[in-house]
Amino acid sequence: MTPAHLTLIQWLSPAFPTGAFAYSHGLERQISTGVVTDAASLEVWLTNVLRFGAGWQDAVLLAQSLDGDSSALDDLARALQPCAERLQETREQGAALARTVAGITGRVLPMRSLPVALGEAAKPLDLPKLDVISLYLQGLAGNLVTIAIRHIPLGQTDGQLVLSRLLPLIHDLARSAADATLDDLGGCALAGDLAALQHETQEIRIFRT
C-alpha cells in the first residue's frame, strides 16, 4: 500500500464531502415499490447497475479520463445520463470532489462529472488504472449498500455480505474497463434508469436521486 493508494482511499471514503450519502441512484424508488426488499434482491439490483448501468459506464469514463481529454469526456459523460436526477448526481458529486481535492492539494481542478473529475484529480497519483477503477466501483456499491441497510431495512451483516459478494464482479469490471475504449461504452440497465426517472416525481422521498 503506497501513500498514493491511501490518498485515493481518502477521496473515495464516506467521510470525504462529496455528499454521496444524499443520492440513492434510484434505489429509494426500488425500495419504496417493493422491488428491492432483502439481501438477495439488493444483490441482483446492484449487479445490474454495476455490469449494465452506471457502474460500467463510469468505469470506462474514469479509465479514459486518467489519460485522455477530460473536457471532451465530461461532455460525453453528461450526454450519457438518462435523466435529470442522474445528471444532477454525477455533476454535484464531481464538483464537490474537485473542489475538495483542489482545497487539499492547491491544484486548479474544473468542475466535471464524478468519474471524469476523479480521473483528472487522480492522474498525478500515477496509480494503475485497475486500482483506481476498482476502488471507485467499490465506493459506488458501498454507498448504495449503506442506503439499503438503513432503508429496507437490512442488517449490517447482510449488507456487508452483499458487498463482499460483489467484489469479484467489481474486480472483473475494473480490469475490463482499464483496457476498454470509448467504443465499449453502453448500458442496458433499463429498470434502474426508469427508477431514477420515476423518483423525480415521487411525492415522499429522503434522497435527492
Protein backbone atom coordinates (compact mmCIF):
# COMPACT_ATOMS: atom_id res chain seq x y z
CA MET A 1 0.00 0.00 0.00
CA THR A 2 1.51 3.32 -1.11
CA PRO A 3 0.76 6.89 0.01
CA ALA A 4 -0.96 7.37 -3.37
CA HIS A 5 -3.31 4.49 -2.59
CA LEU A 6 -4.08 5.98 0.81
CA THR A 7 -4.82 9.34 -0.81
CA LEU A 8 -7.26 7.75 -3.24
CA ILE A 9 -8.95 5.80 -0.47
CA GLN A 10 -9.39 9.06 1.43
CA TRP A 11 -11.04 10.70 -1.59
CA LEU A 12 -13.43 7.77 -2.00
CA SER A 13 -14.26 7.27 1.66
CA PRO A 14 -17.72 8.09 3.08
CA ALA A 15 -16.07 10.86 5.13
CA PHE A 16 -14.98 12.77 2.01
CA PRO A 17 -17.51 15.58 1.40
CA THR A 18 -18.93 14.63 -1.99
CA GLY A 19 -22.38 14.27 -0.45
CA ALA A 20 -22.73 10.69 -1.74
CA PHE A 21 -24.99 9.83 1.20
CA ALA A 22 -27.70 12.10 -0.26
CA TYR A 23 -28.00 10.22 -3.57
CA SER A 24 -29.63 6.80 -3.89
CA HIS A 25 -29.21 6.33 -7.67
CA GLY A 26 -32.85 5.30 -7.94
CA LEU A 27 -32.58 2.75 -5.12
CA GLU A 28 -35.04 4.67 -2.94
CA ARG A 29 -37.67 4.20 -5.65
CA GLN A 30 -36.92 0.48 -5.91
CA ILE A 31 -37.26 0.06 -2.15
CA SER A 32 -40.49 2.06 -1.97
CA THR A 33 -42.14 0.00 -4.72
CA GLY A 34 -41.06 -3.34 -3.27
CA VAL A 35 -38.57 -4.29 -5.97
CA VAL A 36 -35.64 -4.38 -3.54
CA THR A 37 -36.73 -5.91 -0.24
CA ASP A 38 -33.86 -8.05 1.06
CA ALA A 39 -30.22 -9.02 0.53
CA ALA A 40 -30.93 -11.21 -2.48
CA SER A 41 -32.92 -8.60 -4.41
CA LEU A 42 -30.39 -5.91 -3.48
CA GLU A 43 -27.56 -8.02 -4.87
CA VAL A 44 -29.42 -8.54 -8.14
CA TRP A 45 -30.16 -4.82 -8.48
CA LEU A 46 -26.59 -3.76 -7.69
CA THR A 47 -25.16 -6.38 -10.03
CA ASN A 48 -27.21 -4.97 -12.89
CA VAL A 49 -26.25 -1.37 -12.07
CA LEU A 50 -22.58 -2.30 -11.97
CA ARG A 51 -22.49 -4.57 -15.01
CA PHE A 52 -25.01 -2.94 -17.34
CA GLY A 53 -25.58 0.57 -15.97
CA ALA A 54 -23.64 3.43 -14.43
CA GLY A 55 -21.02 1.11 -12.96
CA TRP A 56 -19.62 0.02 -16.33
CA GLN A 57 -20.22 3.38 -17.93
CA ASP A 58 -18.43 5.30 -15.17
CA ALA A 59 -15.59 2.76 -15.13
CA VAL A 60 -14.86 3.31 -18.82
CA LEU A 61 -15.11 7.10 -18.50
CA LEU A 62 -12.79 7.01 -15.48
CA ALA A 63 -10.26 4.89 -17.33
CA GLN A 64 -10.28 7.25 -20.28
CA SER A 65 -10.05 10.36 -18.11
CA LEU A 66 -6.89 9.06 -16.44
CA ASP A 67 -5.04 9.69 -19.68
CA GLY A 68 -7.45 11.49 -22.02
CA ASP A 69 -9.08 14.83 -22.78
CA SER A 70 -11.17 15.47 -19.69
CA SER A 71 -13.17 18.31 -21.23
CA ALA A 72 -14.47 16.22 -24.13
CA LEU A 73 -15.06 13.26 -21.84
CA ASP A 74 -17.10 15.39 -19.48
CA ASP A 75 -19.38 16.47 -22.31
CA LEU A 76 -19.85 12.81 -23.21
CA ALA A 77 -20.44 11.80 -19.57
CA ARG A 78 -23.21 14.37 -19.23
CA ALA A 79 -24.82 13.38 -22.51
CA LEU A 80 -24.94 9.74 -21.40
CA GLN A 81 -27.06 10.43 -18.31
CA PRO A 82 -30.59 9.05 -18.76
CA CYS A 83 -32.45 11.66 -16.72
CA ALA A 84 -32.18 14.95 -14.83
CA GLU A 85 -31.58 13.38 -11.43
CA ARG A 86 -28.74 11.17 -12.63
CA LEU A 87 -27.16 14.19 -14.30
CA GLN A 88 -27.54 16.13 -11.05
CA GLU A 89 -25.98 13.24 -9.12
CA THR A 90 -22.83 12.97 -11.19
CA ARG A 91 -22.38 16.75 -11.63
CA GLU A 92 -22.82 17.67 -7.98
CA GLN A 93 -20.66 14.87 -6.61
CA GLY A 94 -17.98 15.57 -9.21
CA ALA A 95 -17.98 19.28 -8.39
CA ALA A 96 -17.70 18.56 -4.67
CA LEU A 97 -14.83 16.13 -5.22
CA ALA A 98 -12.93 18.56 -7.45
CA ARG A 99 -13.49 21.44 -5.02
CA THR A 100 -12.25 19.48 -2.00
CA VAL A 101 -9.25 17.94 -3.76
CA ALA A 102 -8.31 21.41 -5.02
CA GLY A 103 -8.54 22.75 -1.48
CA ILE A 104 -6.26 19.99 -0.20
CA THR A 105 -3.69 20.00 -3.00
CA GLY A 106 -3.74 23.59 -4.23
CA ARG A 107 -4.33 22.38 -7.80
CA VAL A 108 -6.86 24.03 -10.09
CA LEU A 109 -9.49 21.42 -10.92
CA PRO A 110 -12.51 22.26 -13.07
CA MET A 111 -15.99 21.03 -12.23
CA ARG A 112 -16.60 17.73 -14.01
CA SER A 113 -18.96 14.79 -13.75
CA LEU A 114 -17.87 12.40 -11.00
CA PRO A 115 -15.85 9.74 -12.87
CA VAL A 116 -14.15 12.36 -15.04
CA ALA A 117 -13.41 14.57 -12.03
CA LEU A 118 -11.85 11.64 -10.20
CA GLY A 119 -9.75 10.66 -13.21
CA GLU A 120 -8.44 14.19 -13.62
CA ALA A 121 -7.69 14.50 -9.90
CA ALA A 122 -6.02 11.08 -9.73
CA LYS A 123 -3.65 11.48 -12.68
CA PRO A 124 -0.73 12.76 -10.55
CA LEU A 125 -1.10 9.78 -8.21
CA ASP A 126 0.22 7.59 -11.05
CA LEU A 127 -1.69 4.55 -9.87
CA PRO A 128 -2.63 1.58 -12.08
CA LYS A 129 -5.99 2.06 -13.76
CA LEU A 130 -7.17 -1.22 -12.28
CA ASP A 131 -6.64 0.08 -8.75
CA VAL A 132 -8.38 3.42 -9.33
CA ILE A 133 -11.39 1.89 -11.07
CA SER A 134 -11.75 -0.92 -8.53
CA LEU A 135 -11.80 1.48 -5.60
CA TYR A 136 -14.26 3.77 -7.38
CA LEU A 137 -16.70 0.94 -8.08
CA GLN A 138 -16.36 -0.39 -4.55
CA GLY A 139 -17.20 3.09 -3.26
CA LEU A 140 -20.27 3.29 -5.52
CA ALA A 141 -21.54 -0.10 -4.39
CA GLY A 142 -20.68 0.54 -0.76
CA ASN A 143 -22.68 3.77 -0.66
CA LEU A 144 -25.76 2.05 -2.09
CA VAL A 145 -25.40 -0.86 0.34
CA THR A 146 -25.33 1.64 3.21
CA ILE A 147 -28.57 3.17 1.92
CA ALA A 148 -30.16 -0.28 1.75
CA ILE A 149 -29.05 -1.13 5.29
CA ARG A 150 -30.88 1.92 6.60
CA HIS A 151 -33.99 1.89 4.46
CA ILE A 152 -35.03 -1.66 3.55
CA PRO A 153 -34.12 -2.20 6.46
CA LEU A 154 -31.28 -4.66 6.05
CA GLY A 155 -28.97 -5.91 8.77
CA GLN A 156 -25.37 -4.73 8.81
CA THR A 157 -24.06 -8.25 8.32
CA ASP A 158 -26.36 -8.97 5.38
CA GLY A 159 -25.44 -5.65 3.80
CA GLN A 160 -21.73 -6.33 4.09
CA LEU A 161 -22.26 -9.84 2.78
CA VAL A 162 -23.85 -8.38 -0.35
CA LEU A 163 -20.91 -6.03 -0.84
CA SER A 164 -18.44 -8.85 -0.28
CA ARG A 165 -20.17 -10.99 -2.89
CA LEU A 166 -19.91 -8.13 -5.39
CA LEU A 167 -16.13 -7.74 -5.05
CA PRO A 168 -15.17 -10.32 -7.71
CA LEU A 169 -17.52 -8.61 -10.18
CA ILE A 170 -16.07 -5.22 -9.30
CA HIS A 171 -12.54 -6.50 -9.94
CA ASP A 172 -13.52 -8.07 -13.27
CA LEU A 173 -15.32 -4.93 -14.44
CA ALA A 174 -12.36 -2.75 -13.46
CA ARG A 175 -9.95 -4.99 -15.33
CA SER A 176 -12.12 -4.88 -18.46
CA ALA A 177 -12.68 -1.13 -18.24
CA ALA A 178 -8.95 -0.45 -17.86
CA ASP A 179 -8.43 -1.85 -21.38
CA ALA A 180 -11.68 -0.55 -22.88
CA THR A 181 -12.15 2.24 -25.39
CA LEU A 182 -14.98 4.70 -25.82
CA ASP A 183 -16.45 2.30 -28.38
CA ASP A 184 -17.12 -0.06 -25.46
CA LEU A 185 -19.41 2.44 -23.74
CA GLY A 186 -23.03 1.42 -23.45
CA GLY A 187 -25.67 0.45 -20.96
CA CYS A 188 -28.85 -1.57 -20.63
CA ALA A 189 -30.00 -1.14 -17.02
CA LEU A 190 -33.48 -0.07 -18.02
CA ALA A 191 -35.15 -0.81 -14.68
CA GLY A 192 -32.57 1.29 -12.86
CA ASP A 193 -32.96 4.14 -15.34
CA LEU A 194 -36.75 4.02 -15.06
CA ALA A 195 -36.48 4.04 -11.26
CA ALA A 196 -34.38 7.19 -11.46
CA LEU A 197 -36.94 8.81 -13.76
CA GLN A 198 -39.85 7.85 -11.51
CA HIS A 199 -38.02 9.12 -8.44
CA GLU A 200 -38.11 12.63 -9.90
CA THR A 201 -41.86 12.82 -9.26
CA GLN A 202 -42.07 10.68 -6.14
CA GLU A 203 -44.07 12.63 -3.55
CA ILE A 204 -42.28 11.44 -0.40
CA ARG A 205 -38.53 10.97 -0.66
CA ILE A 206 -35.45 11.18 1.51
CA PHE A 207 -32.73 11.16 -1.15
CA ARG A 208 -32.05 13.61 -3.93
CA THR A 209 -31.93 10.84 -6.57
